PDB file of all heavy atoms in Angstrom:
ATOM      1  N   ASP A   1       0.691   6.621  -4.248  1.00  0.00           N
ATOM      2  CA  ASP A   1       0.728   5.909  -2.960  1.00  0.00           C
ATOM      3  C   ASP A   1      -0.499   6.253  -2.116  1.00  0.00           C
ATOM      4  O   ASP A   1      -1.097   5.382  -1.491  1.00  0.00           O
ATOM      5  CB  ASP A   1       2.002   6.241  -2.185  1.00  0.00           C
ATOM      6  CG  ASP A   1       3.246   5.634  -2.798  1.00  0.00           C
ATOM      7  OD1 ASP A   1       3.124   4.727  -3.655  1.00  0.00           O
ATOM      8  OD2 ASP A   1       4.355   6.073  -2.420  1.00  0.00           O
ATOM      9  N   ALA A   2      -0.866   7.529  -2.089  1.00  0.00           N
ATOM     10  CA  ALA A   2      -2.032   7.953  -1.314  1.00  0.00           C
ATOM     11  C   ALA A   2      -3.311   7.346  -1.875  1.00  0.00           C
ATOM     12  O   ALA A   2      -4.165   6.871  -1.116  1.00  0.00           O
ATOM     13  CB  ALA A   2      -2.127   9.481  -1.292  1.00  0.00           C
ATOM     14  N   LEU A   3      -3.467   7.336  -3.194  1.00  0.00           N
ATOM     15  CA  LEU A   3      -4.673   6.773  -3.801  1.00  0.00           C
ATOM     16  C   LEU A   3      -4.847   5.300  -3.449  1.00  0.00           C
ATOM     17  O   LEU A   3      -5.970   4.841  -3.242  1.00  0.00           O
ATOM     18  CB  LEU A   3      -4.649   6.957  -5.321  1.00  0.00           C
ATOM     19  CG  LEU A   3      -4.868   8.380  -5.823  1.00  0.00           C
ATOM     20  CD1 LEU A   3      -4.688   8.437  -7.343  1.00  0.00           C
ATOM     21  CD2 LEU A   3      -6.242   8.901  -5.427  1.00  0.00           C
ATOM     22  N   GLU A   4      -3.748   4.567  -3.342  1.00  0.00           N
ATOM     23  CA  GLU A   4      -3.824   3.151  -2.990  1.00  0.00           C
ATOM     24  C   GLU A   4      -4.375   2.939  -1.578  1.00  0.00           C
ATOM     25  O   GLU A   4      -4.894   1.874  -1.270  1.00  0.00           O
ATOM     26  CB  GLU A   4      -2.443   2.503  -3.085  1.00  0.00           C
ATOM     27  CG  GLU A   4      -1.950   2.329  -4.490  1.00  0.00           C
ATOM     28  CD  GLU A   4      -0.555   1.724  -4.547  1.00  0.00           C
ATOM     29  OE1 GLU A   4      -0.018   1.327  -3.485  1.00  0.00           O
ATOM     30  OE2 GLU A   4      -0.008   1.644  -5.656  1.00  0.00           O
ATOM     31  N   GLN A   5      -4.289   3.953  -0.719  1.00  0.00           N
ATOM     32  CA  GLN A   5      -4.728   3.823   0.669  1.00  0.00           C
ATOM     33  C   GLN A   5      -6.143   4.331   0.918  1.00  0.00           C
ATOM     34  O   GLN A   5      -6.680   4.170   2.018  1.00  0.00           O
ATOM     35  CB  GLN A   5      -3.770   4.597   1.574  1.00  0.00           C
ATOM     36  CG  GLN A   5      -2.356   4.077   1.542  1.00  0.00           C
ATOM     37  CD  GLN A   5      -1.466   4.912   2.425  1.00  0.00           C
ATOM     38  OE1 GLN A   5      -1.760   5.112   3.608  1.00  0.00           O
ATOM     39  NE2 GLN A   5      -0.387   5.432   1.857  1.00  0.00           N
ATOM     40  N   VAL A   6      -6.779   4.940  -0.068  1.00  0.00           N
ATOM     41  CA  VAL A   6      -8.103   5.536   0.115  1.00  0.00           C
ATOM     42  C   VAL A   6      -9.138   4.446   0.401  1.00  0.00           C
ATOM     43  O   VAL A   6      -9.195   3.427  -0.284  1.00  0.00           O
ATOM     44  CB  VAL A   6      -8.507   6.352  -1.134  1.00  0.00           C
ATOM     45  CG1 VAL A   6      -9.968   6.783  -1.052  1.00  0.00           C
ATOM     46  CG2 VAL A   6      -7.604   7.566  -1.290  1.00  0.00           C
ATOM     47  N   THR A   7      -9.950   4.689   1.440  1.00  0.00           N
ATOM     48  CA  THR A   7     -11.041   3.770   1.774  1.00  0.00           C
ATOM     49  C   THR A   7     -12.402   4.454   1.767  1.00  0.00           C
ATOM     50  O   THR A   7     -13.424   3.791   1.705  1.00  0.00           O
ATOM     51  CB  THR A   7     -10.826   3.148   3.160  1.00  0.00           C
ATOM     52  OG1 THR A   7     -10.690   4.184   4.137  1.00  0.00           O
ATOM     53  CG2 THR A   7      -9.590   2.247   3.163  1.00  0.00           C
ATOM     54  N   ARG A   8     -12.415   5.774   1.857  1.00  0.00           N
ATOM     55  CA  ARG A   8     -13.693   6.497   1.825  1.00  0.00           C
ATOM     56  C   ARG A   8     -13.449   7.937   1.417  1.00  0.00           C
ATOM     57  O   ARG A   8     -12.313   8.373   1.283  1.00  0.00           O
ATOM     58  CB  ARG A   8     -14.417   6.417   3.161  1.00  0.00           C
ATOM     59  CG  ARG A   8     -13.738   7.104   4.298  1.00  0.00           C
ATOM     60  CD  ARG A   8     -14.486   6.834   5.622  1.00  0.00           C
ATOM     61  NE  ARG A   8     -13.903   7.597   6.700  1.00  0.00           N
ATOM     62  CZ  ARG A   8     -14.279   8.821   7.051  1.00  0.00           C
ATOM     63  NH1 ARG A   8     -15.258   9.437   6.406  1.00  0.00           N
ATOM     64  NH2 ARG A   8     -13.690   9.448   8.050  1.00  0.00           N
ATOM     65  N   PHE A   9     -14.542   8.669   1.247  1.00  0.00           N
ATOM     66  CA  PHE A   9     -14.442  10.078   0.877  1.00  0.00           C
ATOM     67  C   PHE A   9     -15.488  10.877   1.622  1.00  0.00           C
ATOM     68  O   PHE A   9     -16.437  10.334   2.186  1.00  0.00           O
ATOM     69  CB  PHE A   9     -14.622  10.257  -0.635  1.00  0.00           C
ATOM     70  CG  PHE A   9     -16.039  10.062  -1.100  1.00  0.00           C
ATOM     71  CD1 PHE A   9     -16.877  11.150  -1.268  1.00  0.00           C
ATOM     72  CD2 PHE A   9     -16.526   8.798  -1.351  1.00  0.00           C
ATOM     73  CE1 PHE A   9     -18.190  10.970  -1.686  1.00  0.00           C
ATOM     74  CE2 PHE A   9     -17.822   8.609  -1.776  1.00  0.00           C
ATOM     75  CZ  PHE A   9     -18.657   9.692  -1.941  1.00  0.00           C
ATOM     76  N   ASP A  10     -15.330  12.175   1.621  1.00  0.00           N
ATOM     77  CA  ASP A  10     -16.307  13.100   2.182  1.00  0.00           C
ATOM     78  C   ASP A  10     -16.248  14.373   1.355  1.00  0.00           C
ATOM     79  O   ASP A  10     -15.240  14.648   0.701  1.00  0.00           O
ATOM     80  CB  ASP A  10     -15.976  13.400   3.647  1.00  0.00           C
ATOM     81  CG  ASP A  10     -17.155  13.998   4.413  1.00  0.00           C
ATOM     82  OD1 ASP A  10     -18.248  14.156   3.815  1.00  0.00           O
ATOM     83  OD2 ASP A  10     -16.989  14.307   5.605  1.00  0.00           O
ATOM     84  N   VAL A  11     -17.313  15.142   1.372  1.00  0.00           N
ATOM     85  CA  VAL A  11     -17.357  16.443   0.711  1.00  0.00           C
ATOM     86  C   VAL A  11     -17.742  17.463   1.775  1.00  0.00           C
ATOM     87  O   VAL A  11     -18.760  17.310   2.452  1.00  0.00           O
ATOM     88  CB  VAL A  11     -18.374  16.451  -0.454  1.00  0.00           C
ATOM     89  CG1 VAL A  11     -18.431  17.830  -1.104  1.00  0.00           C
ATOM     90  CG2 VAL A  11     -18.039  15.378  -1.476  1.00  0.00           C
ATOM     91  N   THR A  12     -16.919  18.480   1.936  1.00  0.00           N
ATOM     92  CA  THR A  12     -17.169  19.499   2.950  1.00  0.00           C
ATOM     93  C   THR A  12     -18.248  20.468   2.479  1.00  0.00           C
ATOM     94  O   THR A  12     -18.670  20.443   1.324  1.00  0.00           O
ATOM     95  CB  THR A  12     -15.878  20.280   3.268  1.00  0.00           C
ATOM     96  OG1 THR A  12     -15.497  21.023   2.108  1.00  0.00           O
ATOM     97  CG2 THR A  12     -14.761  19.346   3.699  1.00  0.00           C
ATOM     98  N   GLU A  13     -18.667  21.347   3.381  1.00  0.00           N
ATOM     99  CA  GLU A  13     -19.699  22.334   3.053  1.00  0.00           C
ATOM    100  C   GLU A  13     -19.294  23.236   1.896  1.00  0.00           C
ATOM    101  O   GLU A  13     -20.138  23.672   1.123  1.00  0.00           O
ATOM    102  CB  GLU A  13     -20.029  23.193   4.277  1.00  0.00           C
ATOM    103  CG  GLU A  13     -20.829  22.454   5.319  1.00  0.00           C
ATOM    104  CD  GLU A  13     -21.212  23.358   6.480  1.00  0.00           C
ATOM    105  OE1 GLU A  13     -21.234  24.593   6.318  1.00  0.00           O
ATOM    106  OE2 GLU A  13     -21.501  22.806   7.551  1.00  0.00           O
ATOM    107  N   ASP A  14     -17.984  23.527   1.761  1.00  0.00           N
ATOM    108  CA  ASP A  14     -17.544  24.402   0.669  1.00  0.00           C
ATOM    109  C   ASP A  14     -17.249  23.628  -0.618  1.00  0.00           C
ATOM    110  O   ASP A  14     -16.744  24.192  -1.589  1.00  0.00           O
ATOM    111  CB  ASP A  14     -16.333  25.240   1.091  1.00  0.00           C
ATOM    112  CG  ASP A  14     -15.060  24.424   1.280  1.00  0.00           C
ATOM    113  OD1 ASP A  14     -15.094  23.183   1.157  1.00  0.00           O
ATOM    114  OD2 ASP A  14     -14.008  25.038   1.542  1.00  0.00           O
ATOM    115  N   GLY A  15     -17.553  22.314  -0.636  1.00  0.00           N
ATOM    116  CA  GLY A  15     -17.390  21.521  -1.849  1.00  0.00           C
ATOM    117  C   GLY A  15     -16.038  20.858  -2.009  1.00  0.00           C
ATOM    118  O   GLY A  15     -15.760  20.254  -3.042  1.00  0.00           O
ATOM    119  N   THR A  16     -15.190  20.939  -0.993  1.00  0.00           N
ATOM    120  CA  THR A  16     -13.885  20.286  -1.055  1.00  0.00           C
ATOM    121  C   THR A  16     -14.062  18.773  -0.946  1.00  0.00           C
ATOM    122  O   THR A  16     -14.756  18.291  -0.055  1.00  0.00           O
ATOM    123  CB  THR A  16     -12.969  20.776   0.082  1.00  0.00           C
ATOM    124  OG1 THR A  16     -12.805  22.192  -0.034  1.00  0.00           O
ATOM    125  CG2 THR A  16     -11.613  20.100   0.039  1.00  0.00           C
ATOM    126  N   LEU A  17     -13.445  18.039  -1.851  1.00  0.00           N
ATOM    127  CA  LEU A  17     -13.455  16.581  -1.822  1.00  0.00           C
ATOM    128  C   LEU A  17     -12.301  16.104  -0.955  1.00  0.00           C
ATOM    129  O   LEU A  17     -11.150  16.490  -1.178  1.00  0.00           O
ATOM    130  CB  LEU A  17     -13.305  16.012  -3.239  1.00  0.00           C
ATOM    131  CG  LEU A  17     -13.111  14.502  -3.341  1.00  0.00           C
ATOM    132  CD1 LEU A  17     -14.363  13.763  -2.865  1.00  0.00           C
ATOM    133  CD2 LEU A  17     -12.764  14.116  -4.775  1.00  0.00           C
ATOM    134  N   LEU A  18     -12.610  15.281   0.042  1.00  0.00           N
ATOM    135  CA  LEU A  18     -11.597  14.715   0.921  1.00  0.00           C
ATOM    136  C   LEU A  18     -11.504  13.220   0.647  1.00  0.00           C
ATOM    137  O   LEU A  18     -12.513  12.516   0.714  1.00  0.00           O
ATOM    138  CB  LEU A  18     -11.963  14.937   2.391  1.00  0.00           C
ATOM    139  CG  LEU A  18     -12.230  16.369   2.831  1.00  0.00           C
ATOM    140  CD1 LEU A  18     -12.684  16.396   4.289  1.00  0.00           C
ATOM    141  CD2 LEU A  18     -11.000  17.238   2.625  1.00  0.00           C
ATOM    142  N   LEU A  19     -10.323  12.736   0.320  1.00  0.00           N
ATOM    143  CA  LEU A  19     -10.084  11.309   0.169  1.00  0.00           C
ATOM    144  C   LEU A  19      -9.399  10.847   1.443  1.00  0.00           C
ATOM    145  O   LEU A  19      -8.343  11.357   1.807  1.00  0.00           O
ATOM    146  CB  LEU A  19      -9.234  11.024  -1.066  1.00  0.00           C
ATOM    147  CG  LEU A  19      -9.866  11.434  -2.400  1.00  0.00           C
ATOM    148  CD1 LEU A  19      -8.943  11.077  -3.556  1.00  0.00           C
ATOM    149  CD2 LEU A  19     -11.227  10.792  -2.592  1.00  0.00           C
ATOM    150  N   ILE A  20     -10.003   9.870   2.122  1.00  0.00           N
ATOM    151  CA  ILE A  20      -9.625   9.485   3.476  1.00  0.00           C
ATOM    152  C   ILE A  20      -9.206   8.025   3.493  1.00  0.00           C
ATOM    153  O   ILE A  20      -9.780   7.194   2.797  1.00  0.00           O
ATOM    154  CB  ILE A  20     -10.827   9.710   4.418  1.00  0.00           C
ATOM    155  CG1 ILE A  20     -11.267  11.180   4.334  1.00  0.00           C
ATOM    156  CG2 ILE A  20     -10.509   9.288   5.832  1.00  0.00           C
ATOM    157  CD1 ILE A  20     -12.630  11.454   4.896  1.00  0.00           C
ATOM    158  N   GLY A  21      -8.220   7.698   4.321  1.00  0.00           N
ATOM    159  CA  GLY A  21      -7.813   6.304   4.450  1.00  0.00           C
ATOM    160  C   GLY A  21      -6.548   6.151   5.248  1.00  0.00           C
ATOM    161  O   GLY A  21      -6.232   6.972   6.098  1.00  0.00           O
ATOM    162  N   GLY A  22      -5.819   5.087   4.949  1.00  0.00           N
ATOM    163  CA  GLY A  22      -4.619   4.780   5.705  1.00  0.00           C
ATOM    164  C   GLY A  22      -4.985   4.176   7.047  1.00  0.00           C
ATOM    165  O   GLY A  22      -6.158   4.058   7.407  1.00  0.00           O
ATOM    166  N   GLU A  23      -3.991   3.790   7.798  1.00  0.00           N
ATOM    167  CA  GLU A  23      -4.224   3.158   9.093  1.00  0.00           C
ATOM    168  C   GLU A  23      -4.932   4.072  10.081  1.00  0.00           C
ATOM    169  O   GLU A  23      -5.730   3.620  10.898  1.00  0.00           O
ATOM    170  CB  GLU A  23      -2.898   2.690   9.684  1.00  0.00           C
ATOM    171  CG  GLU A  23      -2.287   1.533   8.923  1.00  0.00           C
ATOM    172  CD  GLU A  23      -0.994   1.057   9.560  1.00  0.00           C
ATOM    173  OE1 GLU A  23      -0.763   1.333  10.746  1.00  0.00           O
ATOM    174  OE2 GLU A  23      -0.218   0.400   8.845  1.00  0.00           O
ATOM    175  N   SER A  24      -4.668   5.359  10.014  1.00  0.00           N
ATOM    176  CA  SER A  24      -5.253   6.300  10.977  1.00  0.00           C
ATOM    177  C   SER A  24      -6.581   6.899  10.510  1.00  0.00           C
ATOM    178  O   SER A  24      -7.209   7.635  11.249  1.00  0.00           O
ATOM    179  CB  SER A  24      -4.260   7.422  11.258  1.00  0.00           C
ATOM    180  OG  SER A  24      -4.029   8.175  10.077  1.00  0.00           O
ATOM    181  N   GLY A  25      -6.993   6.615   9.292  1.00  0.00           N
ATOM    182  CA  GLY A  25      -8.225   7.197   8.766  1.00  0.00           C
ATOM    183  C   GLY A  25      -8.105   8.693   8.532  1.00  0.00           C
ATOM    184  O   GLY A  25      -9.059   9.434   8.672  1.00  0.00           O
ATOM    185  N   ALA A  26      -6.919   9.123   8.173  1.00  0.00           N
ATOM    186  CA  ALA A  26      -6.641  10.548   7.968  1.00  0.00           C
ATOM    187  C   ALA A  26      -7.011  10.994   6.552  1.00  0.00           C
ATOM    188  O   ALA A  26      -7.154  10.174   5.647  1.00  0.00           O
ATOM    189  CB  ALA A  26      -5.157  10.820   8.211  1.00  0.00           C
ATOM    190  N   VAL A  27      -7.135  12.297   6.374  1.00  0.00           N
ATOM    191  CA  VAL A  27      -7.324  12.872   5.041  1.00  0.00           C
ATOM    192  C   VAL A  27      -6.001  12.716   4.299  1.00  0.00           C
ATOM    193  O   VAL A  27      -4.964  13.204   4.743  1.00  0.00           O
ATOM    194  CB  VAL A  27      -7.736  14.354   5.118  1.00  0.00           C
ATOM    195  CG1 VAL A  27      -7.769  14.963   3.733  1.00  0.00           C
ATOM    196  CG2 VAL A  27      -9.085  14.495   5.806  1.00  0.00           C
TER     197      VAL A  27
END
């Protein structure tokens, strides 16, 4: 369900991959 809502991504300084999306643009 979460993957279906992903619209963008980011990578933090420590290398963590963040998949972001949903109506609120949350992680």
